[in-house]
Amino acid sequence: PPEVIGDMLTLARTSNLDVVHGVR
């Protein structure tokens, strides 16, 4: 789902992460 992209970006920026995996 493209709608998860916003959650990925927020997690990466707030937690200072270089990788955010989408896990099924």
PDBML (XML) file of the C-alpha atoms, coordinates in Angstrom:
<?xml version="1.0" encoding="UTF-8" ?>
<PDBx:datablock datablockName="MODEL"
   xmlns:PDBx="http://pdbml.pdb.org/schema/pdbx-v50.xsd"
   xmlns:xsi="http://www.w3.org/2001/XMLSchema-instance"
   xsi:schemaLocation="http://pdbml.pdb.org/schema/pdbx-v50.xsd pdbx-v50.xsd">
   <PDBx:atom_siteCategory>
      <PDBx:atom_site id="1">
         <PDBx:B_iso_or_equiv>0.00</PDBx:B_iso_or_equiv>
         <PDBx:Cartn_x>0.000</PDBx:Cartn_x>
         <PDBx:Cartn_y>0.000</PDBx:Cartn_y>
         <PDBx:Cartn_z>0.000</PDBx:Cartn_z>
         <PDBx:auth_asym_id>A</PDBx:auth_asym_id>
         <PDBx:auth_atom_id>CA</PDBx:auth_atom_id>
         <PDBx:auth_comp_id>PRO</PDBx:auth_comp_id>
         <PDBx:auth_seq_id>1</PDBx:auth_seq_id>
         <PDBx:group_PDB>ATOM</PDBx:group_PDB>
         <PDBx:label_alt_id xsi:nil="true" />
         <PDBx:label_asym_id>A</PDBx:label_asym_id>
         <PDBx:label_atom_id>CA</PDBx:label_atom_id>
         <PDBx:label_comp_id>PRO</PDBx:label_comp_id>
         <PDBx:label_entity_id>1</PDBx:label_entity_id>
         <PDBx:label_seq_id>1</PDBx:label_seq_id>
         <PDBx:occupancy>1.00</PDBx:occupancy>
         <PDBx:pdbx_PDB_model_num>1</PDBx:pdbx_PDB_model_num>
         <PDBx:type_symbol>C</PDBx:type_symbol>
      </PDBx:atom_site>
      <PDBx:atom_site id="2">
         <PDBx:B_iso_or_equiv>0.00</PDBx:B_iso_or_equiv>
         <PDBx:Cartn_x>1.372</PDBx:Cartn_x>
         <PDBx:Cartn_y>3.452</PDBx:Cartn_y>
         <PDBx:Cartn_z>-0.952</PDBx:Cartn_z>
         <PDBx:auth_asym_id>A</PDBx:auth_asym_id>
         <PDBx:auth_atom_id>CA</PDBx:auth_atom_id>
         <PDBx:auth_comp_id>PRO</PDBx:auth_comp_id>
         <PDBx:auth_seq_id>2</PDBx:auth_seq_id>
         <PDBx:group_PDB>ATOM</PDBx:group_PDB>
         <PDBx:label_alt_id xsi:nil="true" />
         <PDBx:label_asym_id>A</PDBx:label_asym_id>
         <PDBx:label_atom_id>CA</PDBx:label_atom_id>
         <PDBx:label_comp_id>PRO</PDBx:label_comp_id>
         <PDBx:label_entity_id>1</PDBx:label_entity_id>
         <PDBx:label_seq_id>2</PDBx:label_seq_id>
         <PDBx:occupancy>1.00</PDBx:occupancy>
         <PDBx:pdbx_PDB_model_num>1</PDBx:pdbx_PDB_model_num>
         <PDBx:type_symbol>C</PDBx:type_symbol>
      </PDBx:atom_site>
      <PDBx:atom_site id="3">
         <PDBx:B_iso_or_equiv>0.00</PDBx:B_iso_or_equiv>
         <PDBx:Cartn_x>-0.356</PDBx:Cartn_x>
         <PDBx:Cartn_y>4.884</PDBx:Cartn_y>
         <PDBx:Cartn_z>2.126</PDBx:Cartn_z>
         <PDBx:auth_asym_id>A</PDBx:auth_asym_id>
         <PDBx:auth_atom_id>CA</PDBx:auth_atom_id>
         <PDBx:auth_comp_id>GLU</PDBx:auth_comp_id>
         <PDBx:auth_seq_id>3</PDBx:auth_seq_id>
         <PDBx:group_PDB>ATOM</PDBx:group_PDB>
         <PDBx:label_alt_id xsi:nil="true" />
         <PDBx:label_asym_id>A</PDBx:label_asym_id>
         <PDBx:label_atom_id>CA</PDBx:label_atom_id>
         <PDBx:label_comp_id>GLU</PDBx:label_comp_id>
         <PDBx:label_entity_id>1</PDBx:label_entity_id>
         <PDBx:label_seq_id>3</PDBx:label_seq_id>
         <PDBx:occupancy>1.00</PDBx:occupancy>
         <PDBx:pdbx_PDB_model_num>1</PDBx:pdbx_PDB_model_num>
         <PDBx:type_symbol>C</PDBx:type_symbol>
      </PDBx:atom_site>
      <PDBx:atom_site id="4">
         <PDBx:B_iso_or_equiv>0.00</PDBx:B_iso_or_equiv>
         <PDBx:Cartn_x>2.397</PDBx:Cartn_x>
         <PDBx:Cartn_y>3.331</PDBx:Cartn_y>
         <PDBx:Cartn_z>4.287</PDBx:Cartn_z>
         <PDBx:auth_asym_id>A</PDBx:auth_asym_id>
         <PDBx:auth_atom_id>CA</PDBx:auth_atom_id>
         <PDBx:auth_comp_id>VAL</PDBx:auth_comp_id>
         <PDBx:auth_seq_id>4</PDBx:auth_seq_id>
         <PDBx:group_PDB>ATOM</PDBx:group_PDB>
         <PDBx:label_alt_id xsi:nil="true" />
         <PDBx:label_asym_id>A</PDBx:label_asym_id>
         <PDBx:label_atom_id>CA</PDBx:label_atom_id>
         <PDBx:label_comp_id>VAL</PDBx:label_comp_id>
         <PDBx:label_entity_id>1</PDBx:label_entity_id>
         <PDBx:label_seq_id>4</PDBx:label_seq_id>
         <PDBx:occupancy>1.00</PDBx:occupancy>
         <PDBx:pdbx_PDB_model_num>1</PDBx:pdbx_PDB_model_num>
         <PDBx:type_symbol>C</PDBx:type_symbol>
      </PDBx:atom_site>
      <PDBx:atom_site id="5">
         <PDBx:B_iso_or_equiv>0.00</PDBx:B_iso_or_equiv>
         <PDBx:Cartn_x>5.055</PDBx:Cartn_x>
         <PDBx:Cartn_y>5.581</PDBx:Cartn_y>
         <PDBx:Cartn_z>2.713</PDBx:Cartn_z>
         <PDBx:auth_asym_id>A</PDBx:auth_asym_id>
         <PDBx:auth_atom_id>CA</PDBx:auth_atom_id>
         <PDBx:auth_comp_id>ILE</PDBx:auth_comp_id>
         <PDBx:auth_seq_id>5</PDBx:auth_seq_id>
         <PDBx:group_PDB>ATOM</PDBx:group_PDB>
         <PDBx:label_alt_id xsi:nil="true" />
         <PDBx:label_asym_id>A</PDBx:label_asym_id>
         <PDBx:label_atom_id>CA</PDBx:label_atom_id>
         <PDBx:label_comp_id>ILE</PDBx:label_comp_id>
         <PDBx:label_entity_id>1</PDBx:label_entity_id>
         <PDBx:label_seq_id>5</PDBx:label_seq_id>
         <PDBx:occupancy>1.00</PDBx:occupancy>
         <PDBx:pdbx_PDB_model_num>1</PDBx:pdbx_PDB_model_num>
         <PDBx:type_symbol>C</PDBx:type_symbol>
      </PDBx:atom_site>
      <PDBx:atom_site id="6">
         <PDBx:B_iso_or_equiv>0.00</PDBx:B_iso_or_equiv>
         <PDBx:Cartn_x>4.166</PDBx:Cartn_x>
         <PDBx:Cartn_y>8.445</PDBx:Cartn_y>
         <PDBx:Cartn_z>5.049</PDBx:Cartn_z>
         <PDBx:auth_asym_id>A</PDBx:auth_asym_id>
         <PDBx:auth_atom_id>CA</PDBx:auth_atom_id>
         <PDBx:auth_comp_id>GLY</PDBx:auth_comp_id>
         <PDBx:auth_seq_id>6</PDBx:auth_seq_id>
         <PDBx:group_PDB>ATOM</PDBx:group_PDB>
         <PDBx:label_alt_id xsi:nil="true" />
         <PDBx:label_asym_id>A</PDBx:label_asym_id>
         <PDBx:label_atom_id>CA</PDBx:label_atom_id>
         <PDBx:label_comp_id>GLY</PDBx:label_comp_id>
         <PDBx:label_entity_id>1</PDBx:label_entity_id>
         <PDBx:label_seq_id>6</PDBx:label_seq_id>
         <PDBx:occupancy>1.00</PDBx:occupancy>
         <PDBx:pdbx_PDB_model_num>1</PDBx:pdbx_PDB_model_num>
         <PDBx:type_symbol>C</PDBx:type_symbol>
      </PDBx:atom_site>
      <PDBx:atom_site id="7">
         <PDBx:B_iso_or_equiv>0.00</PDBx:B_iso_or_equiv>
         <PDBx:Cartn_x>4.646</PDBx:Cartn_x>
         <PDBx:Cartn_y>6.193</PDBx:Cartn_y>
         <PDBx:Cartn_z>8.089</PDBx:Cartn_z>
         <PDBx:auth_asym_id>A</PDBx:auth_asym_id>
         <PDBx:auth_atom_id>CA</PDBx:auth_atom_id>
         <PDBx:auth_comp_id>ASP</PDBx:auth_comp_id>
         <PDBx:auth_seq_id>7</PDBx:auth_seq_id>
         <PDBx:group_PDB>ATOM</PDBx:group_PDB>
         <PDBx:label_alt_id xsi:nil="true" />
         <PDBx:label_asym_id>A</PDBx:label_asym_id>
         <PDBx:label_atom_id>CA</PDBx:label_atom_id>
         <PDBx:label_comp_id>ASP</PDBx:label_comp_id>
         <PDBx:label_entity_id>1</PDBx:label_entity_id>
         <PDBx:label_seq_id>7</PDBx:label_seq_id>
         <PDBx:occupancy>1.00</PDBx:occupancy>
         <PDBx:pdbx_PDB_model_num>1</PDBx:pdbx_PDB_model_num>
         <PDBx:type_symbol>C</PDBx:type_symbol>
      </PDBx:atom_site>
      <PDBx:atom_site id="8">
         <PDBx:B_iso_or_equiv>0.00</PDBx:B_iso_or_equiv>
         <PDBx:Cartn_x>8.017</PDBx:Cartn_x>
         <PDBx:Cartn_y>5.061</PDBx:Cartn_y>
         <PDBx:Cartn_z>6.750</PDBx:Cartn_z>
         <PDBx:auth_asym_id>A</PDBx:auth_asym_id>
         <PDBx:auth_atom_id>CA</PDBx:auth_atom_id>
         <PDBx:auth_comp_id>MET</PDBx:auth_comp_id>
         <PDBx:auth_seq_id>8</PDBx:auth_seq_id>
         <PDBx:group_PDB>ATOM</PDBx:group_PDB>
         <PDBx:label_alt_id xsi:nil="true" />
         <PDBx:label_asym_id>A</PDBx:label_asym_id>
         <PDBx:label_atom_id>CA</PDBx:label_atom_id>
         <PDBx:label_comp_id>MET</PDBx:label_comp_id>
         <PDBx:label_entity_id>1</PDBx:label_entity_id>
         <PDBx:label_seq_id>8</PDBx:label_seq_id>
         <PDBx:occupancy>1.00</PDBx:occupancy>
         <PDBx:pdbx_PDB_model_num>1</PDBx:pdbx_PDB_model_num>
         <PDBx:type_symbol>C</PDBx:type_symbol>
      </PDBx:atom_site>
      <PDBx:atom_site id="9">
         <PDBx:B_iso_or_equiv>0.00</PDBx:B_iso_or_equiv>
         <PDBx:Cartn_x>9.217</PDBx:Cartn_x>
         <PDBx:Cartn_y>8.617</PDBx:Cartn_y>
         <PDBx:Cartn_z>6.225</PDBx:Cartn_z>
         <PDBx:auth_asym_id>A</PDBx:auth_asym_id>
         <PDBx:auth_atom_id>CA</PDBx:auth_atom_id>
         <PDBx:auth_comp_id>LEU</PDBx:auth_comp_id>
         <PDBx:auth_seq_id>9</PDBx:auth_seq_id>
         <PDBx:group_PDB>ATOM</PDBx:group_PDB>
         <PDBx:label_alt_id xsi:nil="true" />
         <PDBx:label_asym_id>A</PDBx:label_asym_id>
         <PDBx:label_atom_id>CA</PDBx:label_atom_id>
         <PDBx:label_comp_id>LEU</PDBx:label_comp_id>
         <PDBx:label_entity_id>1</PDBx:label_entity_id>
         <PDBx:label_seq_id>9</PDBx:label_seq_id>
         <PDBx:occupancy>1.00</PDBx:occupancy>
         <PDBx:pdbx_PDB_model_num>1</PDBx:pdbx_PDB_model_num>
         <PDBx:type_symbol>C</PDBx:type_symbol>
      </PDBx:atom_site>
      <PDBx:atom_site id="10">
         <PDBx:B_iso_or_equiv>0.00</PDBx:B_iso_or_equiv>
         <PDBx:Cartn_x>8.028</PDBx:Cartn_x>
         <PDBx:Cartn_y>9.739</PDBx:Cartn_y>
         <PDBx:Cartn_z>9.657</PDBx:Cartn_z>
         <PDBx:auth_asym_id>A</PDBx:auth_asym_id>
         <PDBx:auth_atom_id>CA</PDBx:auth_atom_id>
         <PDBx:auth_comp_id>THR</PDBx:auth_comp_id>
         <PDBx:auth_seq_id>10</PDBx:auth_seq_id>
         <PDBx:group_PDB>ATOM</PDBx:group_PDB>
         <PDBx:label_alt_id xsi:nil="true" />
         <PDBx:label_asym_id>A</PDBx:label_asym_id>
         <PDBx:label_atom_id>CA</PDBx:label_atom_id>
         <PDBx:label_comp_id>THR</PDBx:label_comp_id>
         <PDBx:label_entity_id>1</PDBx:label_entity_id>
         <PDBx:label_seq_id>10</PDBx:label_seq_id>
         <PDBx:occupancy>1.00</PDBx:occupancy>
         <PDBx:pdbx_PDB_model_num>1</PDBx:pdbx_PDB_model_num>
         <PDBx:type_symbol>C</PDBx:type_symbol>
      </PDBx:atom_site>
      <PDBx:atom_site id="11">
         <PDBx:B_iso_or_equiv>0.00</PDBx:B_iso_or_equiv>
         <PDBx:Cartn_x>9.750</PDBx:Cartn_x>
         <PDBx:Cartn_y>6.819</PDBx:Cartn_y>
         <PDBx:Cartn_z>11.390</PDBx:Cartn_z>
         <PDBx:auth_asym_id>A</PDBx:auth_asym_id>
         <PDBx:auth_atom_id>CA</PDBx:auth_atom_id>
         <PDBx:auth_comp_id>LEU</PDBx:auth_comp_id>
         <PDBx:auth_seq_id>11</PDBx:auth_seq_id>
         <PDBx:group_PDB>ATOM</PDBx:group_PDB>
         <PDBx:label_alt_id xsi:nil="true" />
         <PDBx:label_asym_id>A</PDBx:label_asym_id>
         <PDBx:label_atom_id>CA</PDBx:label_atom_id>
         <PDBx:label_comp_id>LEU</PDBx:label_comp_id>
         <PDBx:label_entity_id>1</PDBx:label_entity_id>
         <PDBx:label_seq_id>11</PDBx:label_seq_id>
         <PDBx:occupancy>1.00</PDBx:occupancy>
         <PDBx:pdbx_PDB_model_num>1</PDBx:pdbx_PDB_model_num>
         <PDBx:type_symbol>C</PDBx:type_symbol>
      </PDBx:atom_site>
      <PDBx:atom_site id="12">
         <PDBx:B_iso_or_equiv>0.00</PDBx:B_iso_or_equiv>
         <PDBx:Cartn_x>13.012</PDBx:Cartn_x>
         <PDBx:Cartn_y>7.412</PDBx:Cartn_y>
         <PDBx:Cartn_z>9.518</PDBx:Cartn_z>
         <PDBx:auth_asym_id>A</PDBx:auth_asym_id>
         <PDBx:auth_atom_id>CA</PDBx:auth_atom_id>
         <PDBx:auth_comp_id>ALA</PDBx:auth_comp_id>
         <PDBx:auth_seq_id>12</PDBx:auth_seq_id>
         <PDBx:group_PDB>ATOM</PDBx:group_PDB>
         <PDBx:label_alt_id xsi:nil="true" />
         <PDBx:label_asym_id>A</PDBx:label_asym_id>
         <PDBx:label_atom_id>CA</PDBx:label_atom_id>
         <PDBx:label_comp_id>ALA</PDBx:label_comp_id>
         <PDBx:label_entity_id>1</PDBx:label_entity_id>
         <PDBx:label_seq_id>12</PDBx:label_seq_id>
         <PDBx:occupancy>1.00</PDBx:occupancy>
         <PDBx:pdbx_PDB_model_num>1</PDBx:pdbx_PDB_model_num>
         <PDBx:type_symbol>C</PDBx:type_symbol>
      </PDBx:atom_site>
      <PDBx:atom_site id="13">
         <PDBx:B_iso_or_equiv>0.00</PDBx:B_iso_or_equiv>
         <PDBx:Cartn_x>13.081</PDBx:Cartn_x>
         <PDBx:Cartn_y>11.127</PDBx:Cartn_y>
         <PDBx:Cartn_z>10.361</PDBx:Cartn_z>
         <PDBx:auth_asym_id>A</PDBx:auth_asym_id>
         <PDBx:auth_atom_id>CA</PDBx:auth_atom_id>
         <PDBx:auth_comp_id>ARG</PDBx:auth_comp_id>
         <PDBx:auth_seq_id>13</PDBx:auth_seq_id>
         <PDBx:group_PDB>ATOM</PDBx:group_PDB>
         <PDBx:label_alt_id xsi:nil="true" />
         <PDBx:label_asym_id>A</PDBx:label_asym_id>
         <PDBx:label_atom_id>CA</PDBx:label_atom_id>
         <PDBx:label_comp_id>ARG</PDBx:label_comp_id>
         <PDBx:label_entity_id>1</PDBx:label_entity_id>
         <PDBx:label_seq_id>13</PDBx:label_seq_id>
         <PDBx:occupancy>1.00</PDBx:occupancy>
         <PDBx:pdbx_PDB_model_num>1</PDBx:pdbx_PDB_model_num>
         <PDBx:type_symbol>C</PDBx:type_symbol>
      </PDBx:atom_site>
      <PDBx:atom_site id="14">
         <PDBx:B_iso_or_equiv>0.00</PDBx:B_iso_or_equiv>
         <PDBx:Cartn_x>11.987</PDBx:Cartn_x>
         <PDBx:Cartn_y>10.912</PDBx:Cartn_y>
         <PDBx:Cartn_z>13.997</PDBx:Cartn_z>
         <PDBx:auth_asym_id>A</PDBx:auth_asym_id>
         <PDBx:auth_atom_id>CA</PDBx:auth_atom_id>
         <PDBx:auth_comp_id>THR</PDBx:auth_comp_id>
         <PDBx:auth_seq_id>14</PDBx:auth_seq_id>
         <PDBx:group_PDB>ATOM</PDBx:group_PDB>
         <PDBx:label_alt_id xsi:nil="true" />
         <PDBx:label_asym_id>A</PDBx:label_asym_id>
         <PDBx:label_atom_id>CA</PDBx:label_atom_id>
         <PDBx:label_comp_id>THR</PDBx:label_comp_id>
         <PDBx:label_entity_id>1</PDBx:label_entity_id>
         <PDBx:label_seq_id>14</PDBx:label_seq_id>
         <PDBx:occupancy>1.00</PDBx:occupancy>
         <PDBx:pdbx_PDB_model_num>1</PDBx:pdbx_PDB_model_num>
         <PDBx:type_symbol>C</PDBx:type_symbol>
      </PDBx:atom_site>
      <PDBx:atom_site id="15">
         <PDBx:B_iso_or_equiv>0.00</PDBx:B_iso_or_equiv>
         <PDBx:Cartn_x>14.206</PDBx:Cartn_x>
         <PDBx:Cartn_y>7.917</PDBx:Cartn_y>
         <PDBx:Cartn_z>14.857</PDBx:Cartn_z>
         <PDBx:auth_asym_id>A</PDBx:auth_asym_id>
         <PDBx:auth_atom_id>CA</PDBx:auth_atom_id>
         <PDBx:auth_comp_id>SER</PDBx:auth_comp_id>
         <PDBx:auth_seq_id>15</PDBx:auth_seq_id>
         <PDBx:group_PDB>ATOM</PDBx:group_PDB>
         <PDBx:label_alt_id xsi:nil="true" />
         <PDBx:label_asym_id>A</PDBx:label_asym_id>
         <PDBx:label_atom_id>CA</PDBx:label_atom_id>
         <PDBx:label_comp_id>SER</PDBx:label_comp_id>
         <PDBx:label_entity_id>1</PDBx:label_entity_id>
         <PDBx:label_seq_id>15</PDBx:label_seq_id>
         <PDBx:occupancy>1.00</PDBx:occupancy>
         <PDBx:pdbx_PDB_model_num>1</PDBx:pdbx_PDB_model_num>
         <PDBx:type_symbol>C</PDBx:type_symbol>
      </PDBx:atom_site>
      <PDBx:atom_site id="16">
         <PDBx:B_iso_or_equiv>0.00</PDBx:B_iso_or_equiv>
         <PDBx:Cartn_x>17.145</PDBx:Cartn_x>
         <PDBx:Cartn_y>8.910</PDBx:Cartn_y>
         <PDBx:Cartn_z>12.631</PDBx:Cartn_z>
         <PDBx:auth_asym_id>A</PDBx:auth_asym_id>
         <PDBx:auth_atom_id>CA</PDBx:auth_atom_id>
         <PDBx:auth_comp_id>ASN</PDBx:auth_comp_id>
         <PDBx:auth_seq_id>16</PDBx:auth_seq_id>
         <PDBx:group_PDB>ATOM</PDBx:group_PDB>
         <PDBx:label_alt_id xsi:nil="true" />
         <PDBx:label_asym_id>A</PDBx:label_asym_id>
         <PDBx:label_atom_id>CA</PDBx:label_atom_id>
         <PDBx:label_comp_id>ASN</PDBx:label_comp_id>
         <PDBx:label_entity_id>1</PDBx:label_entity_id>
         <PDBx:label_seq_id>16</PDBx:label_seq_id>
         <PDBx:occupancy>1.00</PDBx:occupancy>
         <PDBx:pdbx_PDB_model_num>1</PDBx:pdbx_PDB_model_num>
         <PDBx:type_symbol>C</PDBx:type_symbol>
      </PDBx:atom_site>
      <PDBx:atom_site id="17">
         <PDBx:B_iso_or_equiv>0.00</PDBx:B_iso_or_equiv>
         <PDBx:Cartn_x>17.033</PDBx:Cartn_x>
         <PDBx:Cartn_y>5.636</PDBx:Cartn_y>
         <PDBx:Cartn_z>10.694</PDBx:Cartn_z>
         <PDBx:auth_asym_id>A</PDBx:auth_asym_id>
         <PDBx:auth_atom_id>CA</PDBx:auth_atom_id>
         <PDBx:auth_comp_id>LEU</PDBx:auth_comp_id>
         <PDBx:auth_seq_id>17</PDBx:auth_seq_id>
         <PDBx:group_PDB>ATOM</PDBx:group_PDB>
         <PDBx:label_alt_id xsi:nil="true" />
         <PDBx:label_asym_id>A</PDBx:label_asym_id>
         <PDBx:label_atom_id>CA</PDBx:label_atom_id>
         <PDBx:label_comp_id>LEU</PDBx:label_comp_id>
         <PDBx:label_entity_id>1</PDBx:label_entity_id>
         <PDBx:label_seq_id>17</PDBx:label_seq_id>
         <PDBx:occupancy>1.00</PDBx:occupancy>
         <PDBx:pdbx_PDB_model_num>1</PDBx:pdbx_PDB_model_num>
         <PDBx:type_symbol>C</PDBx:type_symbol>
      </PDBx:atom_site>
      <PDBx:atom_site id="18">
         <PDBx:B_iso_or_equiv>0.00</PDBx:B_iso_or_equiv>
         <PDBx:Cartn_x>18.725</PDBx:Cartn_x>
         <PDBx:Cartn_y>4.878</PDBx:Cartn_y>
         <PDBx:Cartn_z>7.371</PDBx:Cartn_z>
         <PDBx:auth_asym_id>A</PDBx:auth_asym_id>
         <PDBx:auth_atom_id>CA</PDBx:auth_atom_id>
         <PDBx:auth_comp_id>ASP</PDBx:auth_comp_id>
         <PDBx:auth_seq_id>18</PDBx:auth_seq_id>
         <PDBx:group_PDB>ATOM</PDBx:group_PDB>
         <PDBx:label_alt_id xsi:nil="true" />
         <PDBx:label_asym_id>A</PDBx:label_asym_id>
         <PDBx:label_atom_id>CA</PDBx:label_atom_id>
         <PDBx:label_comp_id>ASP</PDBx:label_comp_id>
         <PDBx:label_entity_id>1</PDBx:label_entity_id>
         <PDBx:label_seq_id>18</PDBx:label_seq_id>
         <PDBx:occupancy>1.00</PDBx:occupancy>
         <PDBx:pdbx_PDB_model_num>1</PDBx:pdbx_PDB_model_num>
         <PDBx:type_symbol>C</PDBx:type_symbol>
      </PDBx:atom_site>
      <PDBx:atom_site id="19">
         <PDBx:B_iso_or_equiv>0.00</PDBx:B_iso_or_equiv>
         <PDBx:Cartn_x>16.471</PDBx:Cartn_x>
         <PDBx:Cartn_y>1.949</PDBx:Cartn_y>
         <PDBx:Cartn_z>6.468</PDBx:Cartn_z>
         <PDBx:auth_asym_id>A</PDBx:auth_asym_id>
         <PDBx:auth_atom_id>CA</PDBx:auth_atom_id>
         <PDBx:auth_comp_id>VAL</PDBx:auth_comp_id>
         <PDBx:auth_seq_id>19</PDBx:auth_seq_id>
         <PDBx:group_PDB>ATOM</PDBx:group_PDB>
         <PDBx:label_alt_id xsi:nil="true" />
         <PDBx:label_asym_id>A</PDBx:label_asym_id>
         <PDBx:label_atom_id>CA</PDBx:label_atom_id>
         <PDBx:label_comp_id>VAL</PDBx:label_comp_id>
         <PDBx:label_entity_id>1</PDBx:label_entity_id>
         <PDBx:label_seq_id>19</PDBx:label_seq_id>
         <PDBx:occupancy>1.00</PDBx:occupancy>
         <PDBx:pdbx_PDB_model_num>1</PDBx:pdbx_PDB_model_num>
         <PDBx:type_symbol>C</PDBx:type_symbol>
      </PDBx:atom_site>
      <PDBx:atom_site id="20">
         <PDBx:B_iso_or_equiv>0.00</PDBx:B_iso_or_equiv>
         <PDBx:Cartn_x>12.783</PDBx:Cartn_x>
         <PDBx:Cartn_y>1.290</PDBx:Cartn_y>
         <PDBx:Cartn_z>7.089</PDBx:Cartn_z>
         <PDBx:auth_asym_id>A</PDBx:auth_asym_id>
         <PDBx:auth_atom_id>CA</PDBx:auth_atom_id>
         <PDBx:auth_comp_id>VAL</PDBx:auth_comp_id>
         <PDBx:auth_seq_id>20</PDBx:auth_seq_id>
         <PDBx:group_PDB>ATOM</PDBx:group_PDB>
         <PDBx:label_alt_id xsi:nil="true" />
         <PDBx:label_asym_id>A</PDBx:label_asym_id>
         <PDBx:label_atom_id>CA</PDBx:label_atom_id>
         <PDBx:label_comp_id>VAL</PDBx:label_comp_id>
         <PDBx:label_entity_id>1</PDBx:label_entity_id>
         <PDBx:label_seq_id>20</PDBx:label_seq_id>
         <PDBx:occupancy>1.00</PDBx:occupancy>
         <PDBx:pdbx_PDB_model_num>1</PDBx:pdbx_PDB_model_num>
         <PDBx:type_symbol>C</PDBx:type_symbol>
      </PDBx:atom_site>
      <PDBx:atom_site id="21">
         <PDBx:B_iso_or_equiv>0.00</PDBx:B_iso_or_equiv>
         <PDBx:Cartn_x>11.509</PDBx:Cartn_x>
         <PDBx:Cartn_y>-2.096</PDBx:Cartn_y>
         <PDBx:Cartn_z>5.911</PDBx:Cartn_z>
         <PDBx:auth_asym_id>A</PDBx:auth_asym_id>
         <PDBx:auth_atom_id>CA</PDBx:auth_atom_id>
         <PDBx:auth_comp_id>HIS</PDBx:auth_comp_id>
         <PDBx:auth_seq_id>21</PDBx:auth_seq_id>
         <PDBx:group_PDB>ATOM</PDBx:group_PDB>
         <PDBx:label_alt_id xsi:nil="true" />
         <PDBx:label_asym_id>A</PDBx:label_asym_id>
         <PDBx:label_atom_id>CA</PDBx:label_atom_id>
         <PDBx:label_comp_id>HIS</PDBx:label_comp_id>
         <PDBx:label_entity_id>1</PDBx:label_entity_id>
         <PDBx:label_seq_id>21</PDBx:label_seq_id>
         <PDBx:occupancy>1.00</PDBx:occupancy>
         <PDBx:pdbx_PDB_model_num>1</PDBx:pdbx_PDB_model_num>
         <PDBx:type_symbol>C</PDBx:type_symbol>
      </PDBx:atom_site>
      <PDBx:atom_site id="22">
         <PDBx:B_iso_or_equiv>0.00</PDBx:B_iso_or_equiv>
         <PDBx:Cartn_x>7.914</PDBx:Cartn_x>
         <PDBx:Cartn_y>-2.708</PDBx:Cartn_y>
         <PDBx:Cartn_z>4.979</PDBx:Cartn_z>
         <PDBx:auth_asym_id>A</PDBx:auth_asym_id>
         <PDBx:auth_atom_id>CA</PDBx:auth_atom_id>
         <PDBx:auth_comp_id>GLY</PDBx:auth_comp_id>
         <PDBx:auth_seq_id>22</PDBx:auth_seq_id>
         <PDBx:group_PDB>ATOM</PDBx:group_PDB>
         <PDBx:label_alt_id xsi:nil="true" />
         <PDBx:label_asym_id>A</PDBx:label_asym_id>
         <PDBx:label_atom_id>CA</PDBx:label_atom_id>
         <PDBx:label_comp_id>GLY</PDBx:label_comp_id>
         <PDBx:label_entity_id>1</PDBx:label_entity_id>
         <PDBx:label_seq_id>22</PDBx:label_seq_id>
         <PDBx:occupancy>1.00</PDBx:occupancy>
         <PDBx:pdbx_PDB_model_num>1</PDBx:pdbx_PDB_model_num>
         <PDBx:type_symbol>C</PDBx:type_symbol>
      </PDBx:atom_site>
      <PDBx:atom_site id="23">
         <PDBx:B_iso_or_equiv>0.00</PDBx:B_iso_or_equiv>
         <PDBx:Cartn_x>7.068</PDBx:Cartn_x>
         <PDBx:Cartn_y>-6.012</PDBx:Cartn_y>
         <PDBx:Cartn_z>6.675</PDBx:Cartn_z>
         <PDBx:auth_asym_id>A</PDBx:auth_asym_id>
         <PDBx:auth_atom_id>CA</PDBx:auth_atom_id>
         <PDBx:auth_comp_id>VAL</PDBx:auth_comp_id>
         <PDBx:auth_seq_id>23</PDBx:auth_seq_id>
         <PDBx:group_PDB>ATOM</PDBx:group_PDB>
         <PDBx:label_alt_id xsi:nil="true" />
         <PDBx:label_asym_id>A</PDBx:label_asym_id>
         <PDBx:label_atom_id>CA</PDBx:label_atom_id>
         <PDBx:label_comp_id>VAL</PDBx:label_comp_id>
         <PDBx:label_entity_id>1</PDBx:label_entity_id>
         <PDBx:label_seq_id>23</PDBx:label_seq_id>
         <PDBx:occupancy>1.00</PDBx:occupancy>
         <PDBx:pdbx_PDB_model_num>1</PDBx:pdbx_PDB_model_num>
         <PDBx:type_symbol>C</PDBx:type_symbol>
      </PDBx:atom_site>
      <PDBx:atom_site id="24">
         <PDBx:B_iso_or_equiv>0.00</PDBx:B_iso_or_equiv>
         <PDBx:Cartn_x>4.080</PDBx:Cartn_x>
         <PDBx:Cartn_y>-8.103</PDBx:Cartn_y>
         <PDBx:Cartn_z>5.584</PDBx:Cartn_z>
         <PDBx:auth_asym_id>A</PDBx:auth_asym_id>
         <PDBx:auth_atom_id>CA</PDBx:auth_atom_id>
         <PDBx:auth_comp_id>ARG</PDBx:auth_comp_id>
         <PDBx:auth_seq_id>24</PDBx:auth_seq_id>
         <PDBx:group_PDB>ATOM</PDBx:group_PDB>
         <PDBx:label_alt_id xsi:nil="true" />
         <PDBx:label_asym_id>A</PDBx:label_asym_id>
         <PDBx:label_atom_id>CA</PDBx:label_atom_id>
         <PDBx:label_comp_id>ARG</PDBx:label_comp_id>
         <PDBx:label_entity_id>1</PDBx:label_entity_id>
         <PDBx:label_seq_id>24</PDBx:label_seq_id>
         <PDBx:occupancy>1.00</PDBx:occupancy>
         <PDBx:pdbx_PDB_model_num>1</PDBx:pdbx_PDB_model_num>
         <PDBx:type_symbol>C</PDBx:type_symbol>
      </PDBx:atom_site>
   </PDBx:atom_siteCategory>
</PDBx:datablock>
